[in-house]
Every structure is written in structure tokens, then in C-alpha cells.
Amino acid sequence: MLDFFMELGPLQQVIAATIFTWGMTALGAALVFTTKKFSQKYLDFMLGFAGGVMIAASFWSLLSPALEMAEGSRYPAWVPVAIGFILGGMFLFSVDKLLPHLHPNAPMKSAEGILPKKRKRSTLLVFAITLHNIPEGLAIGVSFGAVAIGSPSASLAGALALAIGIGVQNIPEGVAVSMPLLRDGMSRRKSFMFGQFSGMVEPISAVLGFLAVAYVEPLLPLALAFAAGAMIFVVAEEVIPSSQENGNQDLAVVSLMLGFTIMMILDVALG
């Protein structure tokens, strides 16, 4: 399987990697076919784990290579990286405010009160997890783009490690959509379809990220930092709060540390 992957062209590798991450989202969503009751503690553990993976990936797979690539430019290396990081966070902040969505684990009330009658919970949950997946897809696309242009700070093994890490943390994201919908009375099939649908944006955003850096090489440090900023925003604004709002703070913190450690090992060992 690995030999087959290595023989693919760079763009085909990006598509294959993000089909894998999309498939992992579908795997998480498919748990609705095995049970109707899902342990809240287990879901909070998985969300915390996902947060740890995303934080580790943001540094070792994105920010650290971005700083190395920015060395030798006319500006200090931290300048484009800091700008890209802030822009990534601002982008997700703007999207977060513009698109109505419901956080994982959230009740049917929004911060402003009762959710608009025409806004179905299913749509809002899918929007929430889709927002998570945009920076994840971008991160994968940019990482493979760096390999495609021959950046000395990038490696195919590192890009693969990032895709594997994101794929693993996509499992709880699929669960976070499908299980609440099943509890709300939606059929298993529809709950699964909504859950896996949230991962479809990853191949799209990955291809966009790949094309951006493959054809505009000077954008690479900025693009890597942009993806990192967007991912950190998602972790701080959605993933960590969602993992702790049901009283499982200690469990969520431990799982975050575990996810961070595993992703760090993956990235350092393979990258």
C-alpha cells in the first residue's frame, strides 16, 4: 500500500491522504450502527485527544517547518510566520461568526437563547465539524505542497504523519456529529450520513492549499503558519470547551496530553 502511495503524483497523494482522513470521519460516524447510547466520558476523552493531536501537529508539522523555511529572507523568520498564524486565526474567527453552527456537546440553546426554528440541529452540527475540517485539510495540502516543491524542511514522511494524526483525531469528530443526532431521534442511516458528510471538505481544502504553495512557493511559510493558526483557533474555541463542558475536565486534560504526546512522537519519528 505504501509503495502504491509513493508512486502517485503529488496532487494524487494529497487527494489520497485526505480521502483517508475523510474515511476516518466516516468511521467515527459509523459507530451509530453499533450502539444508540454512547458514553459521554468516552466522547469527551476522544475530543480531548483530538485537541492534543491538533496542537502538536500545529507546531511540529506546520510552525516549526515554517520558521525553517522563512530563514534567510529579508525579514526575520518570525515575521511571516507570526502574520500567517494571526491571519489563520482571524479567518476562522470570521467564518465562526458568519456561519451559524452548534458546538459539539452543546444543548439545543445557543448563547443568544433558543436556536432559530428553521435552523435544524443537524445542519448546525455539520457546520461546526466542517469548520474544524477546513484548517485540517489546508494543513495536509500545504504540507504535501512543501514536499512537491522540494523544500528541505519538508518530508513526505512528515506529511504522512500529519495526515495519519489528523485522520485519528477525525474519529471523535464523526462521533460528535452522529451520536447527538441519533439521540435526538434521527435514524441511524441519516445520522451516519450527516456525520461523514462533515469530512468532505478536507479533500477540497487540501487541494486548494496544495495548489497555493505548489505554484506560489514564497507563500509557503505564510501558508503553513496560516493553517496552524486556524487549527489552534479551532482547538481553543471549540474542541477544548466541548470536551470539558460536561464535567469531565480531568479526563479531557489527560486525553489532550496523550493526544499531544502521540502526535509529537509520530511527527518526530517519521518527519
C-alpha atoms as a PDB file:
ATOM      1  CA  MET A   1       0.000   0.000   0.000  1.00  0.00           C
ATOM      2  CA  LEU A   2       2.824   2.395   0.890  1.00  0.00           C
ATOM      3  CA  ASP A   3       4.658   1.585  -2.348  1.00  0.00           C
ATOM      4  CA  PHE A   4       1.493   2.356  -4.288  1.00  0.00           C
ATOM      5  CA  PHE A   5       1.159   5.671  -2.482  1.00  0.00           C
ATOM      6  CA  MET A   6       4.784   6.608  -3.189  1.00  0.00           C
ATOM      7  CA  GLU A   7       4.222   6.041  -6.917  1.00  0.00           C
ATOM      8  CA  LEU A   8       1.362   8.537  -7.046  1.00  0.00           C
ATOM      9  CA  GLY A   9       1.883  12.091  -8.241  1.00  0.00           C
ATOM     10  CA  PRO A  10       1.987  14.873  -5.597  1.00  0.00           C
ATOM     11  CA  LEU A  11      -1.597  16.030  -6.174  1.00  0.00           C
ATOM     12  CA  GLN A  12      -2.828  12.435  -6.198  1.00  0.00           C
ATOM     13  CA  GLN A  13      -1.057  11.878  -2.873  1.00  0.00           C
ATOM     14  CA  VAL A  14      -2.888  14.853  -1.369  1.00  0.00           C
ATOM     15  CA  ILE A  15      -6.224  13.518  -2.569  1.00  0.00           C
ATOM     16  CA  ALA A  16      -5.457  10.008  -1.306  1.00  0.00           C
ATOM     17  CA  ALA A  17      -4.332  11.313   2.093  1.00  0.00           C
ATOM     18  CA  THR A  18      -7.465  13.379   2.586  1.00  0.00           C
ATOM     19  CA  ILE A  19      -9.746  10.603   1.380  1.00  0.00           C
ATOM     20  CA  PHE A  20      -8.169   8.623   4.224  1.00  0.00           C
ATOM     21  CA  THR A  21      -8.916  11.394   6.747  1.00  0.00           C
ATOM     22  CA  TRP A  22     -12.467  11.687   5.394  1.00  0.00           C
ATOM     23  CA  GLY A  23     -12.799   7.923   5.765  1.00  0.00           C
ATOM     24  CA  MET A  24     -11.755   8.167   9.409  1.00  0.00           C
ATOM     25  CA  THR A  25     -14.516  10.719   9.980  1.00  0.00           C
ATOM     26  CA  ALA A  26     -16.923   8.233   8.413  1.00  0.00           C
ATOM     27  CA  LEU A  27     -15.540   5.503  10.682  1.00  0.00           C
ATOM     28  CA  GLY A  28     -16.363   7.575  13.740  1.00  0.00           C
ATOM     29  CA  ALA A  29     -19.818   8.383  12.392  1.00  0.00           C
ATOM     30  CA  ALA A  30     -20.430   4.661  11.696  1.00  0.00           C
ATOM     31  CA  LEU A  31     -20.433   3.941  15.429  1.00  0.00           C
ATOM     32  CA  VAL A  32     -24.128   4.870  15.348  1.00  0.00           C
ATOM     33  CA  PHE A  33     -24.745   1.439  13.798  1.00  0.00           C
ATOM     34  CA  THR A  34     -23.263  -0.326  16.837  1.00  0.00           C
ATOM     35  CA  THR A  35     -24.956   1.481  19.726  1.00  0.00           C
ATOM     36  CA  LYS A  36     -27.543   4.147  20.486  1.00  0.00           C
ATOM     37  CA  LYS A  37     -26.067   5.084  23.841  1.00  0.00           C
ATOM     38  CA  PHE A  38     -22.540   6.408  23.791  1.00  0.00           C
ATOM     39  CA  SER A  39     -20.563   7.164  26.937  1.00  0.00           C
ATOM     40  CA  GLN A  40     -20.210  10.908  27.411  1.00  0.00           C
ATOM     41  CA  LYS A  41     -16.915  10.308  29.186  1.00  0.00           C
ATOM     42  CA  TYR A  42     -15.606   8.415  26.174  1.00  0.00           C
ATOM     43  CA  LEU A  43     -16.723  11.174  23.810  1.00  0.00           C
ATOM     44  CA  ASP A  44     -15.060  13.830  25.973  1.00  0.00           C
ATOM     45  CA  PHE A  45     -11.905  11.708  26.094  1.00  0.00           C
ATOM     46  CA  MET A  46     -11.873  11.495  22.292  1.00  0.00           C
ATOM     47  CA  LEU A  47     -12.457  15.232  21.884  1.00  0.00           C
ATOM     48  CA  GLY A  48      -9.605  15.995  24.294  1.00  0.00           C
ATOM     49  CA  PHE A  49      -7.387  13.561  22.399  1.00  0.00           C
ATOM     50  CA  ALA A  50      -8.266  15.323  19.143  1.00  0.00           C
ATOM     51  CA  GLY A  51      -7.295  18.668  20.668  1.00  0.00           C
ATOM     52  CA  GLY A  52      -3.903  17.321  21.710  1.00  0.00           C
ATOM     53  CA  VAL A  53      -3.232  15.937  18.237  1.00  0.00           C
ATOM     54  CA  MET A  54      -4.130  19.256  16.610  1.00  0.00           C
ATOM     55  CA  ILE A  55      -1.915  21.287  18.958  1.00  0.00           C
ATOM     56  CA  ALA A  56       1.096  19.017  18.365  1.00  0.00           C
ATOM     57  CA  ALA A  57       0.515  18.973  14.605  1.00  0.00           C
ATOM     58  CA  SER A  58       0.268  22.760  14.571  1.00  0.00           C
ATOM     59  CA  PHE A  59       3.774  23.095  15.943  1.00  0.00           C
ATOM     60  CA  TRP A  60       5.815  20.153  14.637  1.00  0.00           C
ATOM     61  CA  SER A  61       4.147  19.799  11.238  1.00  0.00           C
ATOM     62  CA  LEU A  62       3.403  23.451  10.496  1.00  0.00           C
ATOM     63  CA  LEU A  63       5.007  26.185  12.612  1.00  0.00           C
ATOM     64  CA  SER A  64       8.447  24.617  13.019  1.00  0.00           C
ATOM     65  CA  PRO A  65       8.896  23.938   9.267  1.00  0.00           C
ATOM     66  CA  ALA A  66       7.503  27.402   8.503  1.00  0.00           C
ATOM     67  CA  LEU A  67      10.178  29.028  10.678  1.00  0.00           C
ATOM     68  CA  GLU A  68      12.909  26.984   8.975  1.00  0.00           C
ATOM     69  CA  MET A  69      11.629  27.889   5.507  1.00  0.00           C
ATOM     70  CA  ALA A  70      11.484  31.584   6.387  1.00  0.00           C
ATOM     71  CA  GLU A  71      15.164  31.682   7.366  1.00  0.00           C
ATOM     72  CA  GLY A  72      17.336  33.724   5.035  1.00  0.00           C
ATOM     73  CA  SER A  73      14.582  36.044   3.814  1.00  0.00           C
ATOM     74  CA  ARG A  74      14.866  39.812   4.001  1.00  0.00           C
ATOM     75  CA  TYR A  75      12.766  39.792   7.195  1.00  0.00           C
ATOM     76  CA  PRO A  76      13.283  37.891  10.460  1.00  0.00           C
ATOM     77  CA  ALA A  77      11.862  34.382  10.160  1.00  0.00           C
ATOM     78  CA  TRP A  78       9.197  35.028  12.784  1.00  0.00           C
ATOM     79  CA  VAL A  79       7.600  37.877  10.785  1.00  0.00           C
ATOM     80  CA  PRO A  80       5.828  35.876   8.021  1.00  0.00           C
ATOM     81  CA  VAL A  81       5.111  33.052  10.463  1.00  0.00           C
ATOM     82  CA  ALA A  82       3.503  35.361  13.016  1.00  0.00           C
ATOM     83  CA  ILE A  83       1.493  37.127  10.312  1.00  0.00           C
ATOM     84  CA  GLY A  84       0.284  33.832   8.839  1.00  0.00           C
ATOM     85  CA  PHE A  85      -0.614  32.456  12.266  1.00  0.00           C
ATOM     86  CA  ILE A  86      -2.717  35.504  13.167  1.00  0.00           C
ATOM     87  CA  LEU A  87      -4.383  35.541   9.740  1.00  0.00           C
ATOM     88  CA  GLY A  88      -5.327  31.869  10.120  1.00  0.00           C
ATOM     89  CA  GLY A  89      -6.952  32.529  13.471  1.00  0.00           C
ATOM     90  CA  MET A  90      -8.720  35.636  12.165  1.00  0.00           C
ATOM     91  CA  PHE A  91     -10.040  33.700   9.173  1.00  0.00           C
ATOM     92  CA  LEU A  92     -11.623  31.003  11.335  1.00  0.00           C
ATOM     93  CA  PHE A  93     -12.895  33.646  13.766  1.00  0.00           C
ATOM     94  CA  SER A  94     -14.669  35.421  10.889  1.00  0.00           C
ATOM     95  CA  VAL A  95     -16.111  32.195   9.497  1.00  0.00           C
ATOM     96  CA  ASP A  96     -17.176  31.194  13.009  1.00  0.00           C
ATOM     97  CA  LYS A  97     -19.154  34.409  13.374  1.00  0.00           C
ATOM     98  CA  LEU A  98     -20.655  34.415   9.877  1.00  0.00           C
ATOM     99  CA  LEU A  99     -21.848  30.801   9.706  1.00  0.00           C
ATOM    100  CA  PRO A 100     -24.444  29.662  12.237  1.00  0.00           C
ATOM    101  CA  HIS A 101     -23.365  26.428  13.873  1.00  0.00           C
ATOM    102  CA  LEU A 102     -23.705  24.363  17.024  1.00  0.00           C
ATOM    103  CA  HIS A 103     -20.707  23.252  19.058  1.00  0.00           C
ATOM    104  CA  PRO A 104     -20.251  19.526  19.725  1.00  0.00           C
ATOM    105  CA  ASN A 105     -21.881  18.537  23.044  1.00  0.00           C
ATOM    106  CA  ALA A 106     -23.897  21.779  23.050  1.00  0.00           C
ATOM    107  CA  PRO A 107     -27.544  21.803  24.135  1.00  0.00           C
ATOM    108  CA  MET A 108     -30.281  22.991  21.850  1.00  0.00           C
ATOM    109  CA  LYS A 109     -29.915  26.561  23.115  1.00  0.00           C
ATOM    110  CA  SER A 110     -27.369  28.951  21.658  1.00  0.00           C
ATOM    111  CA  ALA A 111     -25.627  31.755  23.541  1.00  0.00           C
ATOM    112  CA  GLU A 112     -28.402  34.076  22.391  1.00  0.00           C
ATOM    113  CA  GLY A 113     -31.226  31.797  23.567  1.00  0.00           C
ATOM    114  CA  ILE A 114     -33.348  29.358  21.596  1.00  0.00           C
ATOM    115  CA  LEU A 115     -31.857  28.476  18.248  1.00  0.00           C
ATOM    116  CA  PRO A 116     -33.767  29.823  15.228  1.00  0.00           C
ATOM    117  CA  LYS A 117     -36.660  27.494  14.423  1.00  0.00           C
ATOM    118  CA  LYS A 118     -35.543  26.999  10.844  1.00  0.00           C
ATOM    119  CA  ARG A 119     -32.021  26.013  11.885  1.00  0.00           C
ATOM    120  CA  LYS A 120     -32.026  22.277  12.370  1.00  0.00           C
ATOM    121  CA  ARG A 121     -29.585  20.800  14.854  1.00  0.00           C
ATOM    122  CA  SER A 122     -28.215  18.534  12.158  1.00  0.00           C
ATOM    123  CA  THR A 123     -27.241  21.461   9.933  1.00  0.00           C
ATOM    124  CA  LEU A 124     -25.637  23.367  12.796  1.00  0.00           C
ATOM    125  CA  LEU A 125     -23.614  20.385  14.000  1.00  0.00           C
ATOM    126  CA  VAL A 126     -22.355  19.620  10.493  1.00  0.00           C
ATOM    127  CA  PHE A 127     -21.331  23.269  10.106  1.00  0.00           C
ATOM    128  CA  ALA A 128     -19.378  23.073  13.370  1.00  0.00           C
ATOM    129  CA  ILE A 129     -17.354  19.990  12.444  1.00  0.00           C
ATOM    130  CA  THR A 130     -16.931  21.222   8.874  1.00  0.00           C
ATOM    131  CA  LEU A 131     -15.296  24.360  10.292  1.00  0.00           C
ATOM    132  CA  HIS A 132     -12.874  22.057  12.139  1.00  0.00           C
ATOM    133  CA  ASN A 133     -12.012  20.225   8.948  1.00  0.00           C
ATOM    134  CA  ILE A 134     -11.167  23.268   6.802  1.00  0.00           C
ATOM    135  CA  PRO A 135      -7.825  24.027   8.540  1.00  0.00           C
ATOM    136  CA  GLU A 136      -7.055  20.315   8.791  1.00  0.00           C
ATOM    137  CA  GLY A 137      -7.420  19.896   5.028  1.00  0.00           C
ATOM    138  CA  LEU A 138      -5.385  23.042   4.409  1.00  0.00           C
ATOM    139  CA  ALA A 139      -2.625  21.752   6.677  1.00  0.00           C
ATOM    140  CA  ILE A 140      -2.366  18.476   4.779  1.00  0.00           C
ATOM    141  CA  GLY A 141      -2.430  20.205   1.383  1.00  0.00           C
ATOM    142  CA  VAL A 142       0.225  22.724   2.362  1.00  0.00           C
ATOM    143  CA  SER A 143       2.464  20.014   3.848  1.00  0.00           C
ATOM    144  CA  PHE A 144       2.336  17.915   0.681  1.00  0.00           C
ATOM    145  CA  GLY A 145       2.807  21.081  -1.371  1.00  0.00           C
ATOM    146  CA  ALA A 146       6.027  21.791   0.500  1.00  0.00           C
ATOM    147  CA  VAL A 147       7.264  18.301  -0.383  1.00  0.00           C
ATOM    148  CA  ALA A 148       6.254  18.762  -4.031  1.00  0.00           C
ATOM    149  CA  ILE A 149       8.362  21.902  -4.446  1.00  0.00           C
ATOM    150  CA  GLY A 150      11.349  20.225  -2.789  1.00  0.00           C
ATOM    151  CA  SER A 151      11.520  22.283   0.388  1.00  0.00           C
ATOM    152  CA  PRO A 152      14.428  20.994   2.526  1.00  0.00           C
ATOM    153  CA  SER A 153      12.342  21.498   5.674  1.00  0.00           C
ATOM    154  CA  ALA A 154       9.565  19.216   4.438  1.00  0.00           C
ATOM    155  CA  SER A 155       9.429  15.443   4.032  1.00  0.00           C
ATOM    156  CA  LEU A 156       6.904  13.000   2.668  1.00  0.00           C
ATOM    157  CA  ALA A 157       7.105  11.032   5.914  1.00  0.00           C
ATOM    158  CA  GLY A 158       6.256  14.176   7.876  1.00  0.00           C
ATOM    159  CA  ALA A 159       3.299  14.958   5.616  1.00  0.00           C
ATOM    160  CA  LEU A 160       2.085  11.379   6.021  1.00  0.00           C
ATOM    161  CA  ALA A 161       2.443  11.611   9.800  1.00  0.00           C
ATOM    162  CA  LEU A 162       0.297  14.742   9.752  1.00  0.00           C
ATOM    163  CA  ALA A 163      -2.377  13.004   7.659  1.00  0.00           C
ATOM    164  CA  ILE A 164      -2.356   9.972   9.982  1.00  0.00           C
ATOM    165  CA  GLY A 165      -2.624  12.165  13.079  1.00  0.00           C
ATOM    166  CA  ILE A 166      -5.484  14.191  11.643  1.00  0.00           C
ATOM    167  CA  GLY A 167      -7.176  11.003  10.499  1.00  0.00           C
ATOM    168  CA  VAL A 168      -7.022   9.538  14.010  1.00  0.00           C
ATOM    169  CA  GLN A 169      -8.498  12.665  15.566  1.00  0.00           C
ATOM    170  CA  ASN A 170     -11.247  12.743  12.919  1.00  0.00           C
ATOM    171  CA  ILE A 171     -12.832   9.681  14.504  1.00  0.00           C
ATOM    172  CA  PRO A 172     -14.210  11.607  17.514  1.00  0.00           C
ATOM    173  CA  GLU A 173     -15.341  14.383  15.194  1.00  0.00           C
ATOM    174  CA  GLY A 174     -17.507  11.911  13.302  1.00  0.00           C
ATOM    175  CA  VAL A 175     -18.862  10.622  16.608  1.00  0.00           C
ATOM    176  CA  ALA A 176     -19.509  14.174  17.837  1.00  0.00           C
ATOM    177  CA  VAL A 177     -21.932  14.731  14.967  1.00  0.00           C
ATOM    178  CA  SER A 178     -23.619  11.368  14.534  1.00  0.00           C
ATOM    179  CA  MET A 179     -24.272  10.382  18.156  1.00  0.00           C
ATOM    180  CA  PRO A 180     -26.103  13.568  19.233  1.00  0.00           C
ATOM    181  CA  LEU A 181     -28.253  13.344  16.114  1.00  0.00           C
ATOM    182  CA  LEU A 182     -29.127   9.726  16.905  1.00  0.00           C
ATOM    183  CA  ARG A 183     -30.052  10.733  20.460  1.00  0.00           C
ATOM    184  CA  ASP A 184     -32.255  13.481  19.027  1.00  0.00           C
ATOM    185  CA  GLY A 185     -34.308  10.902  17.151  1.00  0.00           C
ATOM    186  CA  MET A 186     -32.695  10.878  13.716  1.00  0.00           C
ATOM    187  CA  SER A 187     -32.348   7.482  12.033  1.00  0.00           C
ATOM    188  CA  ARG A 188     -29.026   5.659  12.168  1.00  0.00           C
ATOM    189  CA  ARG A 189     -28.544   5.987   8.420  1.00  0.00           C
ATOM    190  CA  LYS A 190     -29.175   9.736   8.395  1.00  0.00           C
ATOM    191  CA  SER A 191     -27.035  10.266  11.490  1.00  0.00           C
ATOM    192  CA  PHE A 192     -24.178   8.461   9.762  1.00  0.00           C
ATOM    193  CA  MET A 193     -24.644  10.412   6.525  1.00  0.00           C
ATOM    194  CA  PHE A 194     -24.530  13.755   8.336  1.00  0.00           C
ATOM    195  CA  GLY A 195     -21.517  12.633  10.376  1.00  0.00           C
ATOM    196  CA  GLN A 196     -19.413  11.557   7.421  1.00  0.00           C
ATOM    197  CA  PHE A 197     -20.539  14.497   5.303  1.00  0.00           C
ATOM    198  CA  SER A 198     -18.669  16.870   7.625  1.00  0.00           C
ATOM    199  CA  GLY A 199     -15.370  15.353   6.436  1.00  0.00           C
ATOM    200  CA  MET A 200     -15.969  16.002   2.736  1.00  0.00           C
ATOM    201  CA  VAL A 201     -14.455  19.474   2.953  1.00  0.00           C
ATOM    202  CA  GLU A 202     -10.978  18.126   3.770  1.00  0.00           C
ATOM    203  CA  PRO A 203     -10.072  16.910   0.238  1.00  0.00           C
ATOM    204  CA  ILE A 204     -11.335  20.210  -1.200  1.00  0.00           C
ATOM    205  CA  SER A 205      -9.432  22.472   1.194  1.00  0.00           C
ATOM    206  CA  ALA A 206      -6.339  20.244   0.889  1.00  0.00           C
ATOM    207  CA  VAL A 207      -6.247  20.606  -2.892  1.00  0.00           C
ATOM    208  CA  LEU A 208      -6.612  24.387  -2.555  1.00  0.00           C
ATOM    209  CA  GLY A 209      -3.759  24.513  -0.043  1.00  0.00           C
ATOM    210  CA  PHE A 210      -1.572  22.296  -2.220  1.00  0.00           C
ATOM    211  CA  LEU A 211      -2.136  24.382  -5.344  1.00  0.00           C
ATOM    212  CA  ALA A 212      -1.485  27.628  -3.456  1.00  0.00           C
ATOM    213  CA  VAL A 213       2.004  26.639  -2.325  1.00  0.00           C
ATOM    214  CA  ALA A 214       2.946  24.440  -5.283  1.00  0.00           C
ATOM    215  CA  TYR A 215       2.630  27.371  -7.673  1.00  0.00           C
ATOM    216  CA  VAL A 216       3.499  30.270  -5.374  1.00  0.00           C
ATOM    217  CA  GLU A 217       6.497  28.983  -3.429  1.00  0.00           C
ATOM    218  CA  PRO A 218       7.193  32.211  -1.458  1.00  0.00           C
ATOM    219  CA  LEU A 219       3.789  31.764   0.203  1.00  0.00           C
ATOM    220  CA  LEU A 220       4.836  28.514   1.857  1.00  0.00           C
ATOM    221  CA  PRO A 221       5.891  29.780   5.341  1.00  0.00           C
ATOM    222  CA  LEU A 222       2.838  32.030   5.439  1.00  0.00           C
ATOM    223  CA  ALA A 223       0.545  29.197   4.335  1.00  0.00           C
ATOM    224  CA  LEU A 224       1.906  26.733   6.894  1.00  0.00           C
ATOM    225  CA  ALA A 225       1.505  29.280   9.678  1.00  0.00           C
ATOM    226  CA  PHE A 226      -1.988  30.178   8.423  1.00  0.00           C
ATOM    227  CA  ALA A 227      -3.065  26.545   8.719  1.00  0.00           C
ATOM    228  CA  ALA A 228      -1.541  26.345  12.203  1.00  0.00           C
ATOM    229  CA  GLY A 229      -3.348  29.483  13.345  1.00  0.00           C
ATOM    230  CA  ALA A 230      -6.650  28.169  12.065  1.00  0.00           C
ATOM    231  CA  MET A 231      -6.144  24.825  13.820  1.00  0.00           C
ATOM    232  CA  ILE A 232      -5.189  26.413  17.144  1.00  0.00           C
ATOM    233  CA  PHE A 233      -8.277  28.640  16.944  1.00  0.00           C
ATOM    234  CA  VAL A 234     -10.479  25.587  16.476  1.00  0.00           C
ATOM    235  CA  VAL A 235      -8.848  23.813  19.444  1.00  0.00           C
ATOM    236  CA  ALA A 236      -9.181  26.798  21.774  1.00  0.00           C
ATOM    237  CA  GLU A 237     -12.636  27.898  20.681  1.00  0.00           C
ATOM    238  CA  GLU A 238     -14.398  24.582  20.061  1.00  0.00           C
ATOM    239  CA  VAL A 239     -12.579  21.359  20.883  1.00  0.00           C
ATOM    240  CA  ILE A 240     -11.313  22.022  24.421  1.00  0.00           C
ATOM    241  CA  PRO A 241     -14.501  23.740  25.677  1.00  0.00           C
ATOM    242  CA  SER A 242     -16.644  20.957  24.186  1.00  0.00           C
ATOM    243  CA  SER A 243     -14.547  18.278  25.900  1.00  0.00           C
ATOM    244  CA  GLN A 244     -14.911  19.916  29.321  1.00  0.00           C
ATOM    245  CA  GLU A 245     -18.448  21.258  29.472  1.00  0.00           C
ATOM    246  CA  ASN A 246     -19.948  18.005  30.797  1.00  0.00           C
ATOM    247  CA  GLY A 247     -17.886  17.843  33.978  1.00  0.00           C
ATOM    248  CA  ASN A 248     -15.097  15.609  32.671  1.00  0.00           C
ATOM    249  CA  GLN A 249     -12.339  18.217  32.858  1.00  0.00           C
ATOM    250  CA  ASP A 250      -9.640  15.964  34.317  1.00  0.00           C
ATOM    251  CA  LEU A 251     -10.320  13.217  31.779  1.00  0.00           C
ATOM    252  CA  ALA A 252     -10.265  15.717  28.924  1.00  0.00           C
ATOM    253  CA  VAL A 253      -6.943  17.193  30.065  1.00  0.00           C
ATOM    254  CA  VAL A 254      -5.320  13.760  30.386  1.00  0.00           C
ATOM    255  CA  SER A 255      -6.563  12.741  26.933  1.00  0.00           C
ATOM    256  CA  LEU A 256      -5.309  16.021  25.450  1.00  0.00           C
ATOM    257  CA  MET A 257      -1.845  15.330  26.866  1.00  0.00           C
ATOM    258  CA  LEU A 258      -1.983  11.796  25.458  1.00  0.00           C
ATOM    259  CA  GLY A 259      -3.035  13.012  22.007  1.00  0.00           C
ATOM    260  CA  PHE A 260      -0.293  15.651  22.027  1.00  0.00           C
ATOM    261  CA  THR A 261       2.346  13.078  23.000  1.00  0.00           C
ATOM    262  CA  ILE A 262       1.314  10.531  20.372  1.00  0.00           C
ATOM    263  CA  MET A 263       1.239  13.123  17.581  1.00  0.00           C
ATOM    264  CA  MET A 264       4.608  14.507  18.697  1.00  0.00           C
ATOM    265  CA  ILE A 265       6.119  11.020  18.555  1.00  0.00           C
ATOM    266  CA  LEU A 266       4.586  10.363  15.128  1.00  0.00           C
ATOM    267  CA  ASP A 267       5.850  13.626  13.711  1.00  0.00           C
ATOM    268  CA  VAL A 268       9.350  13.493  15.181  1.00  0.00           C
ATOM    269  CA  ALA A 269       9.869   9.792  14.454  1.00  0.00           C
ATOM    270  CA  LEU A 270       8.552   9.919  10.871  1.00  0.00           C
ATOM    271  CA  GLY A 271       9.389  13.507   9.965  1.00  0.00           C
END
